[in-house]
Structures are given as C-alpha cells and as structure tokens.
Protein backbone atom coordinates (compact mmCIF):
# COMPACT_ATOMS: atom_id res chain seq x y z
CA GLN A 1 -10.31 -14.50 8.68
CA VAL A 2 -8.32 -12.42 5.47
CA GLN A 3 -4.69 -13.26 4.55
CA LEU A 4 -2.83 -9.94 3.18
CA VAL A 5 0.49 -10.21 1.15
CA GLU A 6 2.29 -7.90 0.06
CA SER A 7 5.23 -7.62 -3.02
CA GLY A 8 6.77 -5.31 -5.00
CA GLY A 9 9.32 -3.26 -2.99
CA GLY A 10 12.86 -3.04 -3.69
CA LEU A 11 15.60 -0.33 -3.91
CA VAL A 12 15.38 2.58 -6.18
CA GLN A 13 16.67 6.26 -7.07
CA ALA A 14 14.88 9.08 -6.72
CA GLY A 15 12.99 10.15 -9.23
CA GLY A 16 11.98 6.45 -9.98
CA SER A 17 8.81 4.21 -10.05
CA LEU A 18 7.32 1.60 -7.81
CA ARG A 19 4.41 -0.89 -8.00
CA LEU A 20 3.80 -2.87 -4.52
CA SER A 21 1.01 -5.71 -5.01
CA CYS A 22 -0.97 -6.86 -2.41
CA VAL A 23 -3.32 -10.19 -2.86
CA ALA A 24 -5.62 -11.18 0.04
CA SER A 25 -7.09 -14.59 0.11
CA GLY A 26 -9.14 -16.25 2.80
CA ARG A 27 -12.99 -14.01 3.15
CA ALA A 28 -11.18 -11.59 0.84
CA LEU A 29 -14.87 -10.85 -0.29
CA MET A 30 -15.89 -9.51 2.95
CA ILE A 31 -13.34 -6.75 2.39
CA ASN A 32 -15.12 -3.26 2.34
CA PHE A 33 -12.26 -0.94 2.53
CA MET A 34 -7.89 -1.43 1.86
CA ALA A 35 -5.52 0.77 2.07
CA TRP A 36 -1.63 0.82 2.53
CA TYR A 37 0.28 2.08 5.19
CA ARG A 38 4.12 2.80 6.05
CA GLN A 39 6.61 3.05 8.66
CA ALA A 40 10.00 4.49 8.27
CA PRO A 41 12.58 3.68 10.87
CA GLY A 42 12.43 5.07 14.35
CA LYS A 43 8.51 6.79 13.29
CA SER A 44 5.29 5.39 13.61
CA ARG A 45 3.60 4.26 10.92
CA GLU A 46 1.13 6.49 8.68
CA PHE A 47 -1.35 6.71 6.36
CA ALA A 48 -0.28 7.24 2.90
CA ALA A 49 -3.71 6.18 0.22
CA SER A 50 -6.81 4.24 0.81
CA ILE A 51 -9.79 2.87 -1.43
CA SER A 52 -12.85 2.09 -0.66
CA ARG A 53 -15.24 -1.01 -2.17
CA SER A 54 -16.77 1.33 -4.26
CA GLY A 55 -14.01 2.92 -5.57
CA ILE A 56 -13.17 5.64 -3.73
CA THR A 57 -9.76 6.85 -2.96
CA GLY A 58 -7.56 8.92 -0.56
CA TYR A 59 -4.01 9.99 -0.05
CA ALA A 60 -2.04 11.56 2.13
CA ASP A 61 -0.98 14.91 1.46
CA SER A 62 3.14 13.86 0.97
CA VAL A 63 1.81 11.09 -1.87
CA LYS A 64 -0.97 12.77 -3.60
CA GLY A 65 0.07 13.56 -6.93
CA ARG A 66 2.52 10.87 -6.85
CA PHE A 67 0.88 7.58 -5.83
CA THR A 68 -1.99 5.73 -7.01
CA ILE A 69 -4.02 3.07 -5.85
CA SER A 70 -5.84 0.57 -7.49
CA THR A 71 -7.67 -2.66 -7.28
CA ASP A 72 -8.22 -5.90 -9.44
CA LYS A 73 -11.26 -7.62 -7.79
CA SER A 74 -10.60 -10.38 -10.23
CA LYS A 75 -7.57 -11.07 -8.59
CA ASN A 76 -8.29 -9.51 -5.00
CA THR A 77 -5.27 -7.84 -5.28
CA VAL A 78 -4.85 -3.80 -4.54
CA TYR A 79 -2.08 -1.75 -5.80
CA LEU A 80 0.42 1.24 -4.89
CA GLN A 81 1.61 2.64 -8.12
CA MET A 82 4.35 5.44 -6.82
CA ASN A 83 6.22 7.84 -9.04
CA SER A 84 8.78 9.98 -8.62
CA LEU A 85 9.80 8.61 -5.35
CA LYS A 86 11.95 10.67 -3.24
CA PRO A 87 14.32 9.44 0.01
CA GLU A 88 11.28 10.41 2.28
CA ASP A 89 9.38 7.59 0.84
CA THR A 90 12.12 4.97 2.27
CA ALA A 91 9.76 2.95 4.35
CA VAL A 92 7.85 -0.84 4.83
CA TYR A 93 4.89 -0.70 3.38
CA TYR A 94 2.27 -2.28 4.97
CA CYS A 95 -1.24 -3.44 3.12
CA HIS A 96 -4.51 -3.08 5.66
CA ALA A 97 -7.60 -4.80 4.64
CA VAL A 98 -11.47 -3.85 6.82
CA THR A 99 -13.68 -6.37 7.01
CA THR A 100 -15.74 -6.21 10.71
CA THR A 101 -11.83 -6.72 11.84
CA ALA A 102 -8.72 -4.82 10.27
CA TYR A 103 -6.00 -7.08 9.16
CA TRP A 104 -2.51 -6.04 8.06
CA GLY A 105 0.45 -7.54 5.54
CA GLN A 106 3.70 -8.39 6.86
CA GLY A 107 5.42 -5.22 5.34
CA THR A 108 7.35 -4.89 2.34
CA GLN A 109 10.48 -2.91 1.89
CA VAL A 110 11.24 -0.04 -0.01
CA THR A 111 14.07 1.64 0.03
CA VAL A 112 14.98 5.20 -2.08
CA SER A 113 18.36 6.46 -2.76
CA SER A 114 19.44 9.77 -3.18
C-alpha cells in the first residue's frame, strides 16, 4: 500500500505561482511512476505532468513551459511548481503513483483569480 498526501494548494491571482507537494508513505520505494492530474468543476480529470523513476518527465500541452514536476527521493516527495498561472488552471490537483497498483491522493484545491 502507498499513501499520498498533497499540500500547497490555495488562492492565487493570475500570473502568480504555487508549488504543490505530494508526500508518499508506505511502500514508497515500490513507486515506478508519479504524476499530477487535475479536475476542474464539471470536467473530467485530466493529466498535467508526470515523472518516472529514472527522471523522465512529461507534460500536457496546456501546462508545458509553465509547470515543472520534480522529486526529492530522500523525502519521498514529488513537487509541481506552477508558474504563470491562469484562471483555467483552477482545479483540484491530485497526486498519482503507480507501483503494480495505482494510487491517488485526496486532492488539493488550486484557485486562480482573474
């Protein structure tokens, strides 16, 4: 089992920045892949960014160049640095981890005001 706890969400003005954190516990050493997804009101959950165990990253086109995903393996933590935020980035952001099973955090709200 892996437990994921997100933090760092909040209210920010357009153009501002936030950094989300996700701490993994339990069998964190078994994690092969981590990602951030987001779900805006009335919309489906969508992929935002990912990072593999080897450090290969991937980004949705909508966040490329503005968001950066990174990890601190010593802290079993994955981060999402979000810059140049837009109102359309408003969503609940979820941490996702994969071992042989997929795990999700509880989500953290990000609200970007215009």
